[in-house]
PDB file of all heavy atoms in Angstrom:
ATOM      1  N   ARG A   1      65.390  73.026  82.202  1.00  0.00           N
ATOM      2  CA  ARG A   1      65.882  71.893  83.036  1.00  0.00           C
ATOM      3  C   ARG A   1      65.791  72.023  84.552  1.00  0.00           C
ATOM      4  O   ARG A   1      65.330  71.144  85.275  1.00  0.00           O
ATOM      5  CB  ARG A   1      67.233  71.500  82.590  1.00  0.00           C
ATOM      6  CG  ARG A   1      67.312  70.832  81.193  1.00  0.00           C
ATOM      7  CD  ARG A   1      68.764  70.738  80.768  1.00  0.00           C
ATOM      8  NE  ARG A   1      69.528  69.863  81.702  1.00  0.00           N
ATOM      9  CZ  ARG A   1      70.755  69.698  81.815  1.00  0.00           C
ATOM     10  NH1 ARG A   1      71.563  70.422  80.882  1.00  0.00           N
ATOM     11  NH2 ARG A   1      71.405  68.814  82.596  1.00  0.00           N
ATOM     12  N   VAL A   2      66.189  73.214  84.940  1.00  0.00           N
ATOM     13  CA  VAL A   2      66.143  73.523  86.464  1.00  0.00           C
ATOM     14  C   VAL A   2      64.723  73.458  86.833  1.00  0.00           C
ATOM     15  O   VAL A   2      64.349  72.930  87.958  1.00  0.00           O
ATOM     16  CB  VAL A   2      66.826  74.867  86.725  1.00  0.00           C
ATOM     17  CG1 VAL A   2      66.723  75.137  88.277  1.00  0.00           C
ATOM     18  CG2 VAL A   2      68.287  74.751  86.346  1.00  0.00           C
ATOM     19  N   ALA A   3      63.750  74.240  86.151  1.00  0.00           N
ATOM     20  CA  ALA A   3      62.411  74.322  86.590  1.00  0.00           C
ATOM     21  C   ALA A   3      61.760  72.952  86.591  1.00  0.00           C
ATOM     22  O   ALA A   3      61.055  72.605  87.608  1.00  0.00           O
ATOM     23  CB  ALA A   3      61.664  75.200  85.664  1.00  0.00           C
ATOM     24  N   GLU A   4      62.046  72.128  85.590  1.00  0.00           N
ATOM     25  CA  GLU A   4      61.445  70.716  85.622  1.00  0.00           C
ATOM     26  C   GLU A   4      61.977  69.887  86.665  1.00  0.00           C
ATOM     27  O   GLU A   4      61.224  69.182  87.400  1.00  0.00           O
ATOM     28  CB  GLU A   4      61.598  70.083  84.209  1.00  0.00           C
ATOM     29  CG  GLU A   4      60.834  70.687  83.136  1.00  0.00           C
ATOM     30  CD  GLU A   4      61.090  70.050  81.758  1.00  0.00           C
ATOM     31  OE1 GLU A   4      61.967  69.202  81.729  1.00  0.00           O
ATOM     32  OE2 GLU A   4      60.309  70.351  80.837  1.00  0.00           O
ATOM     33  N   ALA A   5      63.234  70.022  86.935  1.00  0.00           N
ATOM     34  CA  ALA A   5      63.821  69.121  88.066  1.00  0.00           C
ATOM     35  C   ALA A   5      63.268  69.573  89.460  1.00  0.00           C
ATOM     36  O   ALA A   5      63.100  68.695  90.306  1.00  0.00           O
ATOM     37  CB  ALA A   5      65.316  69.346  88.106  1.00  0.00           C
ATOM     38  N   LEU A   6      62.942  70.814  89.630  1.00  0.00           N
ATOM     39  CA  LEU A   6      62.464  71.356  90.886  1.00  0.00           C
ATOM     40  C   LEU A   6      60.879  71.341  90.990  1.00  0.00           C
ATOM     41  O   LEU A   6      60.326  71.646  92.024  1.00  0.00           O
ATOM     42  CB  LEU A   6      63.064  72.673  91.177  1.00  0.00           C
ATOM     43  CG  LEU A   6      64.502  72.781  91.274  1.00  0.00           C
ATOM     44  CD1 LEU A   6      64.954  74.203  91.619  1.00  0.00           C
ATOM     45  CD2 LEU A   6      65.202  71.763  92.300  1.00  0.00           C
ATOM     46  N   GLY A   7      60.308  71.150  89.852  1.00  0.00           N
ATOM     47  CA  GLY A   7      58.817  71.167  89.819  1.00  0.00           C
ATOM     48  C   GLY A   7      58.157  72.595  89.936  1.00  0.00           C
ATOM     49  O   GLY A   7      57.213  72.764  90.594  1.00  0.00           O
ATOM     50  N   LEU A   8      58.824  73.499  89.186  1.00  0.00           N
ATOM     51  CA  LEU A   8      58.370  74.907  89.380  1.00  0.00           C
ATOM     52  C   LEU A   8      57.931  75.475  88.143  1.00  0.00           C
ATOM     53  O   LEU A   8      58.357  75.158  87.041  1.00  0.00           O
ATOM     54  CB  LEU A   8      59.630  75.774  89.977  1.00  0.00           C
ATOM     55  CG  LEU A   8      60.291  75.270  91.259  1.00  0.00           C
ATOM     56  CD1 LEU A   8      61.466  76.200  91.506  1.00  0.00           C
ATOM     57  CD2 LEU A   8      59.276  75.344  92.452  1.00  0.00           C
ATOM     58  N   TRP A   9      57.084  76.617  88.132  1.00  0.00           N
ATOM     59  CA  TRP A   9      56.794  77.403  87.009  1.00  0.00           C
ATOM     60  C   TRP A   9      57.985  78.261  86.754  1.00  0.00           C
ATOM     61  O   TRP A   9      58.808  78.533  87.644  1.00  0.00           O
ATOM     62  CB  TRP A   9      55.536  78.310  87.436  1.00  0.00           C
ATOM     63  CG  TRP A   9      54.385  77.608  87.852  1.00  0.00           C
ATOM     64  CD1 TRP A   9      53.972  77.270  89.160  1.00  0.00           C
ATOM     65  CD2 TRP A   9      53.265  77.162  87.029  1.00  0.00           C
ATOM     66  NE1 TRP A   9      52.797  76.602  89.121  1.00  0.00           N
ATOM     67  CE2 TRP A   9      52.315  76.617  87.845  1.00  0.00           C
ATOM     68  CE3 TRP A   9      52.959  77.269  85.634  1.00  0.00           C
ATOM     69  CZ2 TRP A   9      51.142  76.057  87.345  1.00  0.00           C
ATOM     70  CZ3 TRP A   9      51.893  76.765  85.186  1.00  0.00           C
ATOM     71  CH2 TRP A   9      50.923  76.136  86.037  1.00  0.00           C
ATOM     72  N   TYR A  10      58.071  78.666  85.487  1.00  0.00           N
ATOM     73  CA  TYR A  10      59.233  79.551  85.159  1.00  0.00           C
ATOM     74  C   TYR A  10      58.904  80.483  84.024  1.00  0.00           C
ATOM     75  O   TYR A  10      58.067  80.224  83.115  1.00  0.00           O
ATOM     76  CB  TYR A  10      60.507  78.661  84.665  1.00  0.00           C
ATOM     77  CG  TYR A  10      60.368  78.038  83.373  1.00  0.00           C
ATOM     78  CD1 TYR A  10      60.870  78.694  82.230  1.00  0.00           C
ATOM     79  CD2 TYR A  10      59.792  76.810  83.212  1.00  0.00           C
ATOM     80  CE1 TYR A  10      60.865  78.136  80.989  1.00  0.00           C
ATOM     81  CE2 TYR A  10      59.753  76.192  81.890  1.00  0.00           C
ATOM     82  CZ  TYR A  10      60.336  76.867  80.850  1.00  0.00           C
ATOM     83  OH  TYR A  10      60.234  76.280  79.611  1.00  0.00           O
ATOM     84  N   VAL A  11      59.618  81.574  84.029  1.00  0.00           N
ATOM     85  CA  VAL A  11      59.677  82.569  82.884  1.00  0.00           C
ATOM     86  C   VAL A  11      61.104  82.995  82.651  1.00  0.00           C
ATOM     87  O   VAL A  11      61.858  83.361  83.635  1.00  0.00           O
ATOM     88  CB  VAL A  11      58.758  83.815  83.127  1.00  0.00           C
ATOM     89  CG1 VAL A  11      59.015  84.832  82.039  1.00  0.00           C
ATOM     90  CG2 VAL A  11      57.348  83.453  83.241  1.00  0.00           C
ATOM     91  N   TYR A  12      61.535  82.986  81.468  1.00  0.00           N
ATOM     92  CA  TYR A  12      62.963  83.383  81.198  1.00  0.00           C
ATOM     93  C   TYR A  12      62.901  84.432  79.967  1.00  0.00           C
ATOM     94  O   TYR A  12      62.289  84.069  78.923  1.00  0.00           O
ATOM     95  CB  TYR A  12      63.738  82.140  80.775  1.00  0.00           C
ATOM     96  CG  TYR A  12      65.112  82.438  80.022  1.00  0.00           C
ATOM     97  CD1 TYR A  12      66.169  83.006  80.869  1.00  0.00           C
ATOM     98  CD2 TYR A  12      65.287  82.186  78.705  1.00  0.00           C
ATOM     99  CE1 TYR A  12      67.342  83.308  80.101  1.00  0.00           C
ATOM    100  CE2 TYR A  12      66.446  82.496  78.051  1.00  0.00           C
ATOM    101  CZ  TYR A  12      67.453  83.052  78.789  1.00  0.00           C
ATOM    102  OH  TYR A  12      68.632  83.264  78.119  1.00  0.00           O
ATOM    103  N   TYR A  13      63.538  85.416  80.106  1.00  0.00           N
ATOM    104  CA  TYR A  13      63.832  86.437  79.051  1.00  0.00           C
ATOM    105  C   TYR A  13      65.323  86.643  78.861  1.00  0.00           C
ATOM    106  O   TYR A  13      66.028  87.101  79.776  1.00  0.00           O
ATOM    107  CB  TYR A  13      63.216  87.864  79.340  1.00  0.00           C
ATOM    108  CG  TYR A  13      61.747  87.942  79.197  1.00  0.00           C
ATOM    109  CD1 TYR A  13      60.877  87.766  80.314  1.00  0.00           C
ATOM    110  CD2 TYR A  13      61.167  88.211  77.983  1.00  0.00           C
ATOM    111  CE1 TYR A  13      59.506  87.912  80.213  1.00  0.00           C
ATOM    112  CE2 TYR A  13      59.725  88.422  77.881  1.00  0.00           C
ATOM    113  CZ  TYR A  13      58.979  88.180  78.997  1.00  0.00           C
ATOM    114  OH  TYR A  13      57.684  88.393  78.860  1.00  0.00           O
ATOM    115  N   PRO A  14      65.845  86.307  77.724  1.00  0.00           N
ATOM    116  CA  PRO A  14      67.291  86.652  77.484  1.00  0.00           C
ATOM    117  C   PRO A  14      67.498  88.150  77.201  1.00  0.00           C
ATOM    118  O   PRO A  14      66.650  88.812  76.715  1.00  0.00           O
ATOM    119  CB  PRO A  14      67.593  85.872  76.176  1.00  0.00           C
ATOM    120  CG  PRO A  14      66.342  85.762  75.494  1.00  0.00           C
ATOM    121  CD  PRO A  14      65.310  85.679  76.503  1.00  0.00           C
ATOM    122  N   ALA A  15      68.623  88.608  77.740  1.00  0.00           N
ATOM    123  CA  ALA A  15      68.968  90.135  77.383  1.00  0.00           C
ATOM    124  C   ALA A  15      69.706  90.260  76.136  1.00  0.00           C
ATOM    125  O   ALA A  15      69.514  91.219  75.354  1.00  0.00           O
ATOM    126  CB  ALA A  15      69.814  90.627  78.579  1.00  0.00           C
ATOM    127  N   ILE A  16      70.680  89.173  75.861  1.00  0.00           N
ATOM    128  CA  ILE A  16      71.458  89.349  74.664  1.00  0.00           C
ATOM    129  C   ILE A  16      71.720  87.936  74.150  1.00  0.00           C
ATOM    130  O   ILE A  16      71.427  86.871  74.787  1.00  0.00           O
ATOM    131  CB  ILE A  16      72.833  89.918  74.895  1.00  0.00           C
ATOM    132  CG1 ILE A  16      73.745  89.021  75.871  1.00  0.00           C
ATOM    133  CG2 ILE A  16      72.740  91.275  75.504  1.00  0.00           C
ATOM    134  CD1 ILE A  16      75.146  89.435  76.007  1.00  0.00           C
ATOM    135  N   PHE A  17      72.165  87.798  72.867  1.00  0.00           N
ATOM    136  CA  PHE A  17      72.754  86.633  72.356  1.00  0.00           C
ATOM    137  C   PHE A  17      74.254  86.813  72.446  1.00  0.00           C
ATOM    138  O   PHE A  17      74.835  87.667  71.923  1.00  0.00           O
ATOM    139  CB  PHE A  17      72.298  86.414  70.849  1.00  0.00           C
ATOM    140  CG  PHE A  17      72.869  85.169  70.304  1.00  0.00           C
ATOM    141  CD1 PHE A  17      72.102  83.955  70.400  1.00  0.00           C
ATOM    142  CD2 PHE A  17      74.130  85.087  69.656  1.00  0.00           C
ATOM    143  CE1 PHE A  17      72.596  82.694  69.940  1.00  0.00           C
ATOM    144  CE2 PHE A  17      74.539  83.879  69.195  1.00  0.00           C
ATOM    145  CZ  PHE A  17      73.844  82.710  69.242  1.00  0.00           C
ATOM    146  N   HIS A  18      74.805  85.899  73.293  1.00  0.00           N
ATOM    147  CA  HIS A  18      76.245  85.996  73.626  1.00  0.00           C
ATOM    148  C   HIS A  18      77.075  85.280  72.543  1.00  0.00           C
ATOM    149  O   HIS A  18      77.031  84.036  72.381  1.00  0.00           O
ATOM    150  CB  HIS A  18      76.410  85.354  75.045  1.00  0.00           C
ATOM    151  CG  HIS A  18      77.690  85.701  75.623  1.00  0.00           C
ATOM    152  ND1 HIS A  18      78.820  84.995  75.453  1.00  0.00           N
ATOM    153  CD2 HIS A  18      78.009  86.706  76.558  1.00  0.00           C
ATOM    154  CE1 HIS A  18      79.849  85.579  76.183  1.00  0.00           C
ATOM    155  NE2 HIS A  18      79.370  86.638  76.842  1.00  0.00           N
ATOM    156  N   PHE A  19      78.024  86.052  72.058  1.00  0.00           N
ATOM    157  CA  PHE A  19      78.763  85.446  70.852  1.00  0.00           C
ATOM    158  C   PHE A  19      79.749  84.481  71.277  1.00  0.00           C
ATOM    159  O   PHE A  19      79.875  83.381  70.549  1.00  0.00           O
ATOM    160  CB  PHE A  19      79.514  86.664  70.096  1.00  0.00           C
ATOM    161  CG  PHE A  19      78.539  87.660  69.389  1.00  0.00           C
ATOM    162  CD1 PHE A  19      78.866  88.953  69.312  1.00  0.00           C
ATOM    163  CD2 PHE A  19      77.321  87.262  68.842  1.00  0.00           C
ATOM    164  CE1 PHE A  19      78.137  89.886  68.730  1.00  0.00           C
ATOM    165  CE2 PHE A  19      76.618  88.184  68.257  1.00  0.00           C
ATOM    166  CZ  PHE A  19      76.925  89.524  68.198  1.00  0.00           C
ATOM    167  N   ARG A  20      80.361  84.629  72.440  1.00  0.00           N
ATOM    168  CA  ARG A  20      81.436  83.725  72.876  1.00  0.00           C
ATOM    169  C   ARG A  20      80.828  82.279  73.161  1.00  0.00           C
ATOM    170  O   ARG A  20      81.421  81.333  72.826  1.00  0.00           O
ATOM    171  CB  ARG A  20      82.208  84.232  73.994  1.00  0.00           C
ATOM    172  CG  ARG A  20      83.298  83.251  74.513  1.00  0.00           C
ATOM    173  CD  ARG A  20      84.307  84.035  75.404  1.00  0.00           C
ATOM    174  NE  ARG A  20      83.743  84.598  76.550  1.00  0.00           N
ATOM    175  CZ  ARG A  20      83.555  83.825  77.667  1.00  0.00           C
ATOM    176  NH1 ARG A  20      83.934  82.551  77.763  1.00  0.00           N
ATOM    177  NH2 ARG A  20      82.952  84.498  78.749  1.00  0.00           N
ATOM    178  N   THR A  21      79.716  82.288  73.785  1.00  0.00           N
ATOM    179  CA  THR A  21      79.065  81.049  74.197  1.00  0.00           C
ATOM    180  C   THR A  21      78.036  80.465  73.090  1.00  0.00           C
ATOM    181  O   THR A  21      77.667  79.400  73.282  1.00  0.00           O
ATOM    182  CB  THR A  21      78.368  81.136  75.536  1.00  0.00           C
ATOM    183  OG1 THR A  21      77.288  82.126  75.423  1.00  0.00           O
ATOM    184  CG2 THR A  21      79.268  81.570  76.646  1.00  0.00           C
ATOM    185  N   ASN A  22      77.775  81.329  72.148  1.00  0.00           N
ATOM    186  CA  ASN A  22      76.755  81.038  71.190  1.00  0.00           C
ATOM    187  C   ASN A  22      75.510  80.681  71.757  1.00  0.00           C
ATOM    188  O   ASN A  22      74.766  79.788  71.183  1.00  0.00           O
ATOM    189  CB  ASN A  22      77.363  79.951  70.256  1.00  0.00           C
ATOM    190  CG  ASN A  22      76.692  79.888  68.885  1.00  0.00           C
ATOM    191  OD1 ASN A  22      76.340  80.943  68.284  1.00  0.00           O
ATOM    192  ND2 ASN A  22      76.476  78.706  68.319  1.00  0.00           N
ATOM    193  N   GLN A  23      75.077  81.408  72.836  1.00  0.00           N
ATOM    194  CA  GLN A  23      73.780  81.099  73.435  1.00  0.00           C
ATOM    195  C   GLN A  23      73.157  82.449  73.892  1.00  0.00           C
ATOM    196  O   GLN A  23      73.864  83.524  74.088  1.00  0.00           O
ATOM    197  CB  GLN A  23      73.952  80.220  74.673  1.00  0.00           C
ATOM    198  CG  GLN A  23      74.572  78.841  74.387  1.00  0.00           C
ATOM    199  CD  GLN A  23      74.598  77.942  75.578  1.00  0.00           C
ATOM    200  OE1 GLN A  23      73.564  77.661  76.092  1.00  0.00           O
ATOM    201  NE2 GLN A  23      75.799  77.644  76.073  1.00  0.00           N
ATOM    202  N   ARG A  24      71.936  82.265  74.160  1.00  0.00           N
ATOM    203  CA  ARG A  24      71.283  83.446  74.776  1.00  0.00           C
ATOM    204  C   ARG A  24      71.658  83.531  76.234  1.00  0.00           C
ATOM    205  O   ARG A  24      72.040  82.595  76.783  1.00  0.00           O
ATOM    206  CB  ARG A  24      69.691  83.191  74.592  1.00  0.00           C
ATOM    207  CG  ARG A  24      69.135  83.285  73.231  1.00  0.00           C
ATOM    208  CD  ARG A  24      67.628  83.096  73.183  1.00  0.00           C
ATOM    209  NE  ARG A  24      67.171  83.219  71.826  1.00  0.00           N
ATOM    210  CZ  ARG A  24      67.116  82.305  71.003  1.00  0.00           C
ATOM    211  NH1 ARG A  24      67.352  81.026  71.288  1.00  0.00           N
ATOM    212  NH2 ARG A  24      66.630  82.513  69.710  1.00  0.00           N
ATOM    213  N   PHE A  25      71.567  84.708  76.745  1.00  0.00           N
ATOM    214  CA  PHE A  25      72.070  85.105  78.119  1.00  0.00           C
ATOM    215  C   PHE A  25      71.078  86.011  78.779  1.00  0.00           C
ATOM    216  O   PHE A  25      70.758  87.093  78.263  1.00  0.00           O
ATOM    217  CB  PHE A  25      73.384  85.730  77.824  1.00  0.00           C
ATOM    218  CG  PHE A  25      74.094  86.232  79.071  1.00  0.00           C
ATOM    219  CD1 PHE A  25      75.078  85.502  79.713  1.00  0.00           C
ATOM    220  CD2 PHE A  25      73.933  87.562  79.499  1.00  0.00           C
ATOM    221  CE1 PHE A  25      75.715  86.003  80.766  1.00  0.00           C
ATOM    222  CE2 PHE A  25      74.586  88.075  80.619  1.00  0.00           C
ATOM    223  CZ  PHE A  25      75.576  87.253  81.204  1.00  0.00           C
ATOM    224  N   GLY A  26      70.604  85.564  80.007  1.00  0.00           N
ATOM    225  CA  GLY A  26      69.655  86.417  80.671  1.00  0.00           C
ATOM    226  C   GLY A  26      69.191  85.824  81.954  1.00  0.00           C
ATOM    227  O   GLY A  26      69.800  85.046  82.602  1.00  0.00           O
ATOM    228  N   ASN A  27      68.052  86.408  82.468  1.00  0.00           N
ATOM    229  CA  ASN A  27      67.510  86.109  83.843  1.00  0.00           C
ATOM    230  C   ASN A  27      66.258  85.387  83.786  1.00  0.00           C
ATOM    231  O   ASN A  27      65.410  85.496  82.986  1.00  0.00           O
ATOM    232  CB  ASN A  27      67.406  87.387  84.513  1.00  0.00           C
ATOM    233  CG  ASN A  27      68.549  88.351  84.363  1.00  0.00           C
ATOM    234  OD1 ASN A  27      69.614  87.972  84.710  1.00  0.00           O
ATOM    235  ND2 ASN A  27      68.375  89.556  83.759  1.00  0.00           N
ATOM    236  N   ALA A  28      66.114  84.567  84.801  1.00  0.00           N
ATOM    237  CA  ALA A  28      64.903  83.711  84.948  1.00  0.00           C
ATOM    238  C   ALA A  28      64.275  83.831  86.283  1.00  0.00           C
ATOM    239  O   ALA A  28      65.023  83.988  87.357  1.00  0.00           O
ATOM    240  CB  ALA A  28      65.244  82.268  84.640  1.00  0.00           C
ATOM    241  N   VAL A  29      63.021  83.746  86.402  1.00  0.00           N
ATOM    242  CA  VAL A  29      62.344  83.535  87.664  1.00  0.00           C
ATOM    243  C   VAL A  29      61.572  82.144  87.654  1.00  0.00           C
ATOM    244  O   VAL A  29      60.841  81.811  86.705  1.00  0.00           O
ATOM    245  CB  VAL A  29      61.176  84.571  87.855  1.00  0.00           C
ATOM    246  CG1 VAL A  29      60.400  84.429  89.154  1.00  0.00           C
ATOM    247  CG2 VAL A  29      61.912  85.936  87.963  1.00  0.00           C
ATOM    248  N   LEU A  30      61.817  81.392  88.805  1.00  0.00           N
ATOM    249  CA  LEU A  30      61.188  80.110  88.853  1.00  0.00           C
ATOM    250  C   LEU A  30      60.332  80.278  90.270  1.00  0.00           C
ATOM    251  O   LEU A  30      60.687  80.840  91.197  1.00  0.00           O
ATOM    252  CB  LEU A  30      62.165  78.990  89.096  1.00  0.00           C
ATOM    253  CG  LEU A  30      62.848  78.462  87.866  1.00  0.00           C
ATOM    254  CD1 LEU A  30      63.660  79.505  87.226  1.00  0.00           C
ATOM    255  CD2 LEU A  30      63.730  77.251  88.244  1.00  0.00           C
ATOM    256  N   SER A  31      59.131  79.666  90.251  1.00  0.00           N
ATOM    257  CA  SER A  31      58.224  79.805  91.277  1.00  0.00           C
ATOM    258  C   SER A  31      57.416  78.582  91.585  1.00  0.00           C
ATOM    259  O   SER A  31      56.863  77.848  90.718  1.00  0.00           O
ATOM    260  CB  SER A  31      57.213  80.972  90.993  1.00  0.00           C
ATOM    261  OG  SER A  31      56.252  81.079  91.884  1.00  0.00           O
ATOM    262  N   ARG A  32      57.184  78.312  92.877  1.00  0.00           N
ATOM    263  CA  ARG A  32      56.303  77.274  93.315  1.00  0.00           C
ATOM    264  C   ARG A  32      54.777  77.671  93.090  1.00  0.00           C
ATOM    265  O   ARG A  32      53.974  76.840  92.932  1.00  0.00           O
ATOM    266  CB  ARG A  32      56.585  76.898  94.817  1.00  0.00           C
ATOM    267  CG  ARG A  32      55.767  75.823  95.330  1.00  0.00           C
ATOM    268  CD  ARG A  32      56.063  75.617  96.809  1.00  0.00           C
ATOM    269  NE  ARG A  32      57.566  75.329  96.949  1.00  0.00           N
ATOM    270  CZ  ARG A  32      58.157  74.264  96.591  1.00  0.00           C
ATOM    271  NH1 ARG A  32      57.423  73.275  96.185  1.00  0.00           N
ATOM    272  NH2 ARG A  32      59.463  74.136  96.795  1.00  0.00           N
ATOM    273  N   TRP A  33      54.607  78.897  93.119  1.00  0.00           N
ATOM    274  CA  TRP A  33      53.269  79.497  93.015  1.00  0.00           C
ATOM    275  C   TRP A  33      52.958  79.970  91.587  1.00  0.00           C
ATOM    276  O   TRP A  33      53.946  80.315  90.744  1.00  0.00           O
ATOM    277  CB  TRP A  33      53.055  80.700  93.886  1.00  0.00           C
ATOM    278  CG  TRP A  33      53.197  80.281  95.354  1.00  0.00           C
ATOM    279  CD1 TRP A  33      54.344  80.363  96.118  1.00  0.00           C
ATOM    280  CD2 TRP A  33      52.159  79.784  96.199  1.00  0.00           C
ATOM    281  NE1 TRP A  33      54.146  79.878  97.324  1.00  0.00           N
ATOM    282  CE2 TRP A  33      52.778  79.434  97.433  1.00  0.00           C
ATOM    283  CE3 TRP A  33      50.875  79.441  96.027  1.00  0.00           C
ATOM    284  CZ2 TRP A  33      52.147  78.908  98.481  1.00  0.00           C
ATOM    285  CZ3 TRP A  33      50.195  78.841  97.116  1.00  0.00           C
ATOM    286  CH2 TRP A  33      50.743  78.619  98.275  1.00  0.00           C
ATOM    287  N   PRO A  34      51.720  79.863  91.129  1.00  0.00           N
ATOM    288  CA  PRO A  34      51.404  80.246  89.712  1.00  0.00           C
ATOM    289  C   PRO A  34      51.888  81.612  89.367  1.00  0.00           C
ATOM    290  O   PRO A  34      51.780  82.527  90.151  1.00  0.00           O
ATOM    291  CB  PRO A  34      49.881  80.082  89.675  1.00  0.00           C
ATOM    292  CG  PRO A  34      49.543  79.245  90.781  1.00  0.00           C
ATOM    293  CD  PRO A  34      50.451  79.530  91.866  1.00  0.00           C
ATOM    294  N   ILE A  35      52.354  81.754  88.152  1.00  0.00           N
ATOM    295  CA  ILE A  35      52.734  83.127  87.520  1.00  0.00           C
ATOM    296  C   ILE A  35      51.589  83.606  86.771  1.00  0.00           C
ATOM    297  O   ILE A  35      51.123  83.032  85.790  1.00  0.00           O
ATOM    298  CB  ILE A  35      54.045  82.823  86.625  1.00  0.00           C
ATOM    299  CG1 ILE A  35      55.221  82.440  87.505  1.00  0.00           C
ATOM    300  CG2 ILE A  35      54.349  84.219  85.941  1.00  0.00           C
ATOM    301  CD1 ILE A  35      56.431  82.069  86.697  1.00  0.00           C
TER     302      ILE A  35
END
């Protein structure tokens, strides 16, 4: 959603599946330039 709103390329890898939030949890890189 963030990448599409800003018009950026993105890659996201979760580190863990978080039990309390019941979601994946990790880091993302968004870029104006091609990945």
